[in-house]
Amino acid sequence: MKNEQIEEHRSASPINSLEDPLSFSEVICHDQESFLLSFRNQIACHANHRASDVVITTLQTLLTTVWKACAAASQQGADPEIVRRLRVTSRRALVALSIYSPLVPKVIASCFRRHLHDLRQAAGLTRDYDVLSDRLHQHLPPTSSRHSAHDLSIRQLLQLVAKKRNENQKKIQAKHAELSSWNWPLHVATIKNQVRLKKKVYKKFVQNQSKKSCTRFSKVAYSTKKNPSQLHRLRIEGKKLRYTFEFTPADCLNRSLRECGETLRKMQNKLGNFTDHTAASEILHQFSKEPLADDMLFMIHRMQREEHELATLSCRQFFVWWTGKRRRSLYKRLEKALDND
């Protein structure tokens, strides 16, 4: 009886919100592996705390990190890596809101969700221009002459990409200004007064929520066809499921789930090539409609066809890897993991 009282007291103990080591602010400038290691370690430490306490802490630290990433990405000439991190942190926060939805009032969740979608979209479009810029630089051999017709067209195209990229980044700046007026930090701070109390320990709560994520992913994976929109959706759902595993304490991730996570990581990387080439092709297609010089349009059409062909090749390579056997194996591992919970 005494042990039960001690455990109940421990589960009900509050977690220091933004002062807790779970905060991403101290690791945002580190590489992704360090970021995830710090996060997962803190989730593991709080696995037996009361679910509502962990939800408050996690949401506050995630949303605070989004805010800091947004401020950094809104700076003129922000590094592409900073923009990418805004995109990643926004998506993680959206996944957290989805997982924690039973404890977060719909009004609060929908408001943050709308802002996070806007941030993710703005960061995603800006990131697409950064990826295309990298691809264009690959067409400039270090030993080539700056005065060659080929180089001149590529450099002009790079200038156009940079211009469009800067125009799109202004959307991040505008969103940051909007969120400043809305007082994002204050709304984050008041989350602790909005989350519904849940006495169940965190690891039990998140295990139940993980089952729902697995079911959603399986439905999408079963119905995926060979077209860009569905492949993009498959990649996003796979990424969401991987992030869900990040919110799950390590001791709750059995071998089957760890193997699923590794398969999802490979799937995300392989589909990443497809989505990057597809985005580059679409941007170049839009450029081809602009009133540009004939030599520029010739270069744009040629590179657009190349990116389209690379996207098609990436799609074929993915489905060579994404066999029926691999899909069935993934589904069985997910089912086995959930049945053992």
Protein backbone atom coordinates (compact mmCIF):
# COMPACT_ATOMS: atom_id res chain seq x y z
CA MET A 1 0.00 0.00 0.00
CA LYS A 2 2.82 2.33 0.91
CA ASN A 3 4.60 1.63 -2.41
CA GLU A 4 1.40 2.42 -4.32
CA GLN A 5 1.13 5.75 -2.52
CA ILE A 6 4.75 6.57 -3.34
CA GLU A 7 4.19 5.70 -7.01
CA GLU A 8 1.01 7.79 -7.13
CA HIS A 9 2.85 10.73 -5.60
CA ARG A 10 5.69 10.32 -8.09
CA SER A 11 3.28 10.17 -11.03
CA ALA A 12 1.55 13.33 -9.86
CA SER A 13 4.78 15.27 -9.34
CA PRO A 14 4.97 18.27 -11.66
CA ILE A 15 7.73 18.56 -14.24
CA ASN A 16 9.60 21.82 -14.58
CA SER A 17 8.29 23.02 -17.91
CA LEU A 18 10.67 25.28 -19.80
CA GLU A 19 13.50 24.77 -17.32
CA ASP A 20 13.35 21.02 -17.78
CA PRO A 21 16.21 19.41 -19.80
CA LEU A 22 13.53 18.30 -22.25
CA SER A 23 13.70 21.80 -23.75
CA PHE A 24 14.87 21.78 -27.34
CA SER A 25 16.28 25.31 -27.08
CA GLU A 26 19.63 24.03 -25.86
CA VAL A 27 20.06 21.54 -28.67
CA ILE A 28 18.53 23.34 -31.66
CA CYS A 29 21.96 24.26 -32.99
CA HIS A 30 23.25 20.70 -32.63
CA ASP A 31 22.93 17.99 -35.24
CA GLN A 32 19.73 16.00 -35.55
CA GLU A 33 21.12 12.93 -33.79
CA SER A 34 22.03 14.94 -30.66
CA PHE A 35 18.64 16.58 -30.78
CA LEU A 36 16.78 13.27 -30.85
CA LEU A 37 19.02 11.69 -28.21
CA SER A 38 18.36 14.51 -25.76
CA PHE A 39 14.63 14.40 -26.44
CA ARG A 40 14.29 10.61 -26.15
CA ASN A 41 16.32 10.53 -22.93
CA GLN A 42 13.97 13.00 -21.30
CA ILE A 43 10.86 11.17 -22.48
CA ALA A 44 12.30 8.00 -20.95
CA CYS A 45 12.97 9.76 -17.64
CA HIS A 46 9.35 10.90 -17.40
CA ALA A 47 7.68 7.72 -18.67
CA ASN A 48 6.05 7.02 -15.29
CA HIS A 49 4.96 10.56 -14.58
CA ARG A 50 1.33 11.58 -14.90
CA ALA A 51 0.39 11.85 -18.57
CA SER A 52 -0.97 15.40 -18.32
CA ASP A 53 2.28 16.67 -16.74
CA VAL A 54 4.41 15.21 -19.54
CA VAL A 55 2.01 16.50 -22.20
CA ILE A 56 2.26 20.03 -20.79
CA THR A 57 6.04 19.95 -20.67
CA THR A 58 6.47 18.40 -24.09
CA LEU A 59 4.06 20.75 -25.84
CA GLN A 60 5.53 23.83 -24.19
CA THR A 61 9.10 22.92 -25.09
CA LEU A 62 8.18 21.89 -28.64
CA LEU A 63 6.20 25.06 -29.30
CA THR A 64 8.93 27.21 -27.74
CA THR A 65 11.45 25.60 -30.08
CA VAL A 66 9.18 26.29 -33.06
CA TRP A 67 9.01 29.92 -32.00
CA LYS A 68 12.80 30.23 -31.79
CA ALA A 69 13.24 28.45 -35.12
CA CYS A 70 10.67 30.80 -36.68
CA ALA A 71 12.53 33.86 -35.37
CA ALA A 72 15.83 32.54 -36.76
CA ALA A 73 14.31 31.56 -40.13
CA SER A 74 12.67 34.96 -40.55
CA GLN A 75 16.04 36.71 -40.56
CA GLN A 76 17.16 38.04 -43.95
CA GLY A 77 19.37 35.47 -45.69
CA ALA A 78 18.68 32.77 -43.10
CA ASP A 79 20.79 29.65 -43.59
CA PRO A 80 18.96 26.83 -45.43
CA GLU A 81 19.57 24.51 -42.48
CA ILE A 82 17.67 26.89 -40.18
CA VAL A 83 14.71 26.90 -42.59
CA ARG A 84 14.81 23.10 -42.72
CA ARG A 85 14.72 22.92 -38.91
CA LEU A 86 11.68 25.19 -38.80
CA ARG A 87 9.97 22.79 -41.18
CA VAL A 88 10.95 19.75 -39.08
CA THR A 89 10.08 21.26 -35.69
CA SER A 90 6.71 22.46 -37.00
CA ARG A 91 5.87 18.97 -38.21
CA ARG A 92 6.96 17.44 -34.89
CA ALA A 93 4.75 19.85 -33.00
CA LEU A 94 1.81 18.95 -35.26
CA VAL A 95 2.38 15.27 -34.54
CA ALA A 96 2.51 16.03 -30.81
CA LEU A 97 -0.83 17.86 -30.99
CA SER A 98 -2.31 14.86 -32.79
CA ILE A 99 -0.99 12.35 -30.25
CA TYR A 100 -2.00 14.47 -27.27
CA SER A 101 -5.39 15.48 -28.69
CA PRO A 102 -7.43 13.69 -25.96
CA LEU A 103 -5.93 16.05 -23.38
CA VAL A 104 -5.83 19.32 -25.34
CA PRO A 105 -9.04 21.36 -25.86
CA LYS A 106 -10.04 21.49 -29.55
CA VAL A 107 -10.03 25.29 -29.63
CA ILE A 108 -6.44 25.46 -28.40
CA ALA A 109 -5.25 22.61 -30.62
CA SER A 110 -6.89 23.94 -33.77
CA CYS A 111 -5.43 27.40 -33.26
CA PHE A 112 -1.87 26.13 -32.86
CA ARG A 113 -2.41 23.60 -35.65
CA ARG A 114 -3.41 26.34 -38.10
CA HIS A 115 -0.32 28.41 -37.32
CA LEU A 116 1.96 25.36 -37.49
CA HIS A 117 0.55 24.37 -40.89
CA ASP A 118 1.27 27.87 -42.19
CA LEU A 119 4.83 27.77 -40.85
CA ARG A 120 5.49 24.32 -42.25
CA GLN A 121 4.16 25.30 -45.66
CA ALA A 122 6.20 28.50 -45.83
CA ALA A 123 9.35 26.73 -44.67
CA GLY A 124 8.70 23.85 -47.06
CA LEU A 125 8.40 26.09 -50.11
CA THR A 126 11.52 28.02 -49.13
CA ARG A 127 13.33 24.74 -48.61
CA ASP A 128 12.32 23.58 -52.12
CA TYR A 129 14.14 26.58 -53.59
CA ASP A 130 17.21 25.77 -51.47
CA VAL A 131 17.22 22.19 -52.79
CA LEU A 132 16.90 23.40 -56.39
CA SER A 133 19.74 25.85 -55.82
CA ASP A 134 21.97 22.99 -54.65
CA ARG A 135 21.07 20.99 -57.76
CA LEU A 136 21.88 23.92 -60.05
CA HIS A 137 25.28 24.40 -58.40
CA GLN A 138 26.04 20.79 -59.27
CA HIS A 139 25.82 21.83 -62.94
CA LEU A 140 28.70 24.24 -62.44
CA PRO A 141 31.98 22.29 -62.50
CA PRO A 142 34.74 24.12 -60.56
CA THR A 143 36.99 24.17 -63.62
CA SER A 144 34.40 25.56 -66.04
CA SER A 145 34.73 28.97 -67.61
CA ARG A 146 32.58 31.69 -66.15
CA HIS A 147 32.01 33.06 -69.65
CA SER A 148 30.64 29.88 -71.23
CA ALA A 149 27.04 30.07 -72.45
CA HIS A 150 26.08 27.11 -70.28
CA ASP A 151 27.51 28.65 -67.12
CA LEU A 152 25.95 32.01 -67.85
CA SER A 153 22.47 30.47 -68.18
CA ILE A 154 22.92 28.45 -65.00
CA ARG A 155 24.06 31.53 -63.06
CA GLN A 156 21.13 33.54 -64.34
CA LEU A 157 18.83 30.74 -63.31
CA LEU A 158 20.46 30.67 -59.87
CA GLN A 159 19.75 34.40 -59.54
CA LEU A 160 16.10 33.76 -60.40
CA VAL A 161 15.91 30.95 -57.82
CA ALA A 162 17.50 33.21 -55.18
CA LYS A 163 15.00 35.97 -55.97
CA LYS A 164 12.02 33.61 -55.68
CA ARG A 165 13.47 32.10 -52.55
CA ASN A 166 13.79 35.51 -50.89
CA GLU A 167 10.24 36.41 -51.92
CA ASN A 168 8.95 33.20 -50.37
CA GLN A 169 10.98 33.69 -47.20
CA LYS A 170 9.03 36.91 -46.68
CA LYS A 171 6.06 34.65 -45.91
CA ILE A 172 8.02 33.33 -42.93
CA GLN A 173 8.80 36.89 -41.89
CA ALA A 174 5.14 37.86 -42.21
CA LYS A 175 4.07 34.83 -40.20
CA HIS A 176 6.61 35.66 -37.50
CA ALA A 177 5.21 39.19 -37.29
CA GLU A 178 1.67 37.81 -37.08
CA LEU A 179 2.63 35.40 -34.30
CA SER A 180 4.43 38.18 -32.43
CA SER A 181 1.22 40.23 -32.43
CA TRP A 182 -0.73 37.14 -31.35
CA ASN A 183 1.85 36.70 -28.56
CA TRP A 184 2.84 33.11 -29.22
CA PRO A 185 4.98 32.79 -26.04
CA LEU A 186 2.04 33.83 -23.84
CA HIS A 187 -0.29 31.28 -25.47
CA VAL A 188 2.38 28.60 -24.99
CA ALA A 189 2.72 29.51 -21.31
CA THR A 190 -1.04 29.21 -20.72
CA ILE A 191 -1.15 25.63 -22.03
CA LYS A 192 -0.51 24.37 -18.50
CA ASN A 193 -3.91 25.77 -17.50
CA GLN A 194 -5.69 24.23 -20.48
CA VAL A 195 -4.52 20.61 -20.60
CA ARG A 196 -6.99 18.15 -19.08
CA LEU A 197 -5.71 16.23 -16.07
CA LYS A 198 -4.91 12.59 -16.71
CA LYS A 199 -3.84 10.36 -13.83
CA LYS A 200 -2.79 7.52 -16.14
CA VAL A 201 1.00 7.36 -16.47
CA TYR A 202 2.45 8.77 -19.66
CA LYS A 203 3.79 5.56 -21.17
CA LYS A 204 0.39 3.87 -21.02
CA PHE A 205 -1.31 6.91 -22.51
CA VAL A 206 1.14 7.25 -25.41
CA GLN A 207 1.04 3.51 -26.16
CA ASN A 208 -2.71 3.74 -26.75
CA GLN A 209 -2.22 6.76 -29.00
CA SER A 210 0.53 4.99 -30.96
CA LYS A 211 -1.92 2.29 -31.97
CA LYS A 212 -4.06 4.89 -33.72
CA SER A 213 -1.03 6.24 -35.61
CA CYS A 214 -0.10 2.74 -36.76
CA THR A 215 -3.63 2.15 -38.02
CA ARG A 216 -3.64 5.42 -40.01
CA PHE A 217 -0.30 4.62 -41.60
CA SER A 218 -1.38 1.10 -42.57
CA LYS A 219 -4.50 2.42 -44.32
CA VAL A 220 -2.44 4.89 -46.37
CA ALA A 221 0.24 2.32 -47.20
CA TYR A 222 -2.31 -0.23 -48.40
CA SER A 223 -3.91 2.28 -50.79
CA THR A 224 -0.77 3.95 -52.19
CA LYS A 225 -0.48 4.03 -55.99
CA LYS A 226 2.29 5.19 -58.29
CA ASN A 227 1.39 8.87 -58.48
CA PRO A 228 3.15 11.89 -56.90
CA SER A 229 0.36 12.97 -54.53
CA GLN A 230 -0.11 9.51 -53.01
CA LEU A 231 3.62 8.86 -52.72
CA HIS A 232 4.01 12.20 -50.98
CA ARG A 233 1.17 11.28 -48.62
CA LEU A 234 2.82 7.92 -47.89
CA ARG A 235 6.08 9.66 -47.00
CA ILE A 236 4.30 12.13 -44.72
CA GLU A 237 2.33 9.41 -42.91
CA GLY A 238 5.51 7.36 -42.49
CA LYS A 239 7.27 10.40 -41.08
CA LYS A 240 4.39 11.02 -38.66
CA LEU A 241 4.60 7.44 -37.43
CA ARG A 242 8.36 7.75 -36.93
CA TYR A 243 7.81 10.93 -34.90
CA THR A 244 5.16 9.10 -32.88
CA PHE A 245 7.79 6.54 -31.93
CA GLU A 246 9.98 9.44 -30.74
CA PHE A 247 7.28 10.38 -28.23
CA THR A 248 7.22 6.79 -26.95
CA PRO A 249 9.58 5.85 -24.08
CA ALA A 250 12.43 3.64 -25.28
CA ASP A 251 11.52 0.75 -22.99
CA CYS A 252 8.08 0.64 -24.65
CA LEU A 253 9.62 0.22 -28.10
CA ASN A 254 10.07 -3.51 -28.49
CA ARG A 255 12.17 -5.09 -31.21
CA SER A 256 9.28 -5.12 -33.68
CA LEU A 257 8.69 -1.38 -33.34
CA ARG A 258 12.40 -0.58 -33.60
CA GLU A 259 12.57 -2.60 -36.82
CA CYS A 260 9.51 -0.74 -38.10
CA GLY A 261 11.20 2.56 -37.32
CA GLU A 262 14.25 1.55 -39.33
CA THR A 263 12.09 0.53 -42.31
CA LEU A 264 10.21 3.84 -42.10
CA ARG A 265 13.51 5.74 -42.04
CA LYS A 266 14.67 3.99 -45.22
CA MET A 267 11.31 4.60 -46.85
CA GLN A 268 11.48 8.30 -46.00
CA ASN A 269 14.99 8.65 -47.46
CA LYS A 270 14.07 6.86 -50.69
CA LEU A 271 10.89 8.85 -51.16
CA GLY A 272 12.80 12.02 -50.29
CA ASN A 273 14.67 11.78 -53.61
CA PHE A 274 11.37 11.46 -55.44
CA THR A 275 9.76 14.45 -53.71
CA ASP A 276 12.86 16.65 -54.17
CA HIS A 277 13.02 15.94 -57.91
CA THR A 278 9.27 16.44 -58.24
CA ALA A 279 9.40 19.80 -56.43
CA ALA A 280 12.34 20.94 -58.58
CA SER A 281 10.49 19.93 -61.74
CA GLU A 282 7.38 21.86 -60.70
CA ILE A 283 9.36 25.02 -59.89
CA LEU A 284 11.18 24.87 -63.22
CA HIS A 285 7.86 24.33 -64.98
CA GLN A 286 6.56 27.54 -63.39
CA PHE A 287 9.74 29.37 -64.48
CA SER A 288 9.13 28.22 -68.06
CA LYS A 289 5.94 30.32 -68.14
CA GLU A 290 7.77 33.56 -67.37
CA PRO A 291 8.90 36.05 -70.07
CA LEU A 292 12.59 35.12 -70.20
CA ALA A 293 15.26 35.09 -72.90
CA ASP A 294 15.22 32.13 -75.30
CA ASP A 295 18.51 30.70 -74.06
CA MET A 296 17.21 30.80 -70.47
CA LEU A 297 13.96 29.12 -71.45
CA PHE A 298 15.91 26.47 -73.35
CA MET A 299 17.99 25.73 -70.24
CA ILE A 300 14.90 25.70 -68.00
CA HIS A 301 13.02 23.29 -70.28
CA ARG A 302 16.03 21.00 -70.46
CA MET A 303 16.53 20.92 -66.70
CA GLN A 304 12.81 20.53 -66.07
CA ARG A 305 12.78 17.41 -68.26
CA GLU A 306 15.85 16.12 -66.45
CA GLU A 307 14.26 16.59 -63.00
CA HIS A 308 11.05 14.96 -64.24
CA GLU A 309 13.01 11.96 -65.53
CA LEU A 310 14.92 11.70 -62.24
CA ALA A 311 11.63 11.80 -60.32
CA THR A 312 10.27 9.00 -62.51
CA LEU A 313 13.45 6.97 -61.96
CA SER A 314 13.28 7.54 -58.19
CA CYS A 315 9.66 6.36 -58.21
CA ARG A 316 10.61 3.17 -60.03
CA GLN A 317 13.52 2.53 -57.68
CA PHE A 318 11.24 3.02 -54.69
CA PHE A 319 8.73 0.44 -55.89
CA VAL A 320 11.54 -2.01 -56.62
CA TRP A 321 12.39 -1.69 -52.92
CA TRP A 322 8.80 -1.30 -51.63
CA THR A 323 7.80 -4.85 -52.49
CA GLY A 324 4.69 -6.68 -51.36
CA LYS A 325 6.91 -8.82 -49.17
CA ARG A 326 8.43 -5.78 -47.43
CA ARG A 327 4.99 -4.19 -46.94
CA ARG A 328 3.54 -7.37 -45.44
CA SER A 329 6.56 -7.72 -43.18
CA LEU A 330 6.11 -4.15 -41.94
CA TYR A 331 2.38 -4.67 -41.30
CA LYS A 332 3.05 -7.90 -39.39
CA ARG A 333 5.68 -6.25 -37.21
CA LEU A 334 3.29 -3.39 -36.42
CA GLU A 335 0.49 -5.79 -35.58
CA LYS A 336 2.77 -7.92 -33.44
CA ALA A 337 4.07 -4.90 -31.57
CA LEU A 338 0.56 -3.60 -30.89
CA ASP A 339 -0.75 -7.00 -29.84
CA ASN A 340 2.05 -7.28 -27.29
CA ASP A 341 1.24 -3.94 -25.66
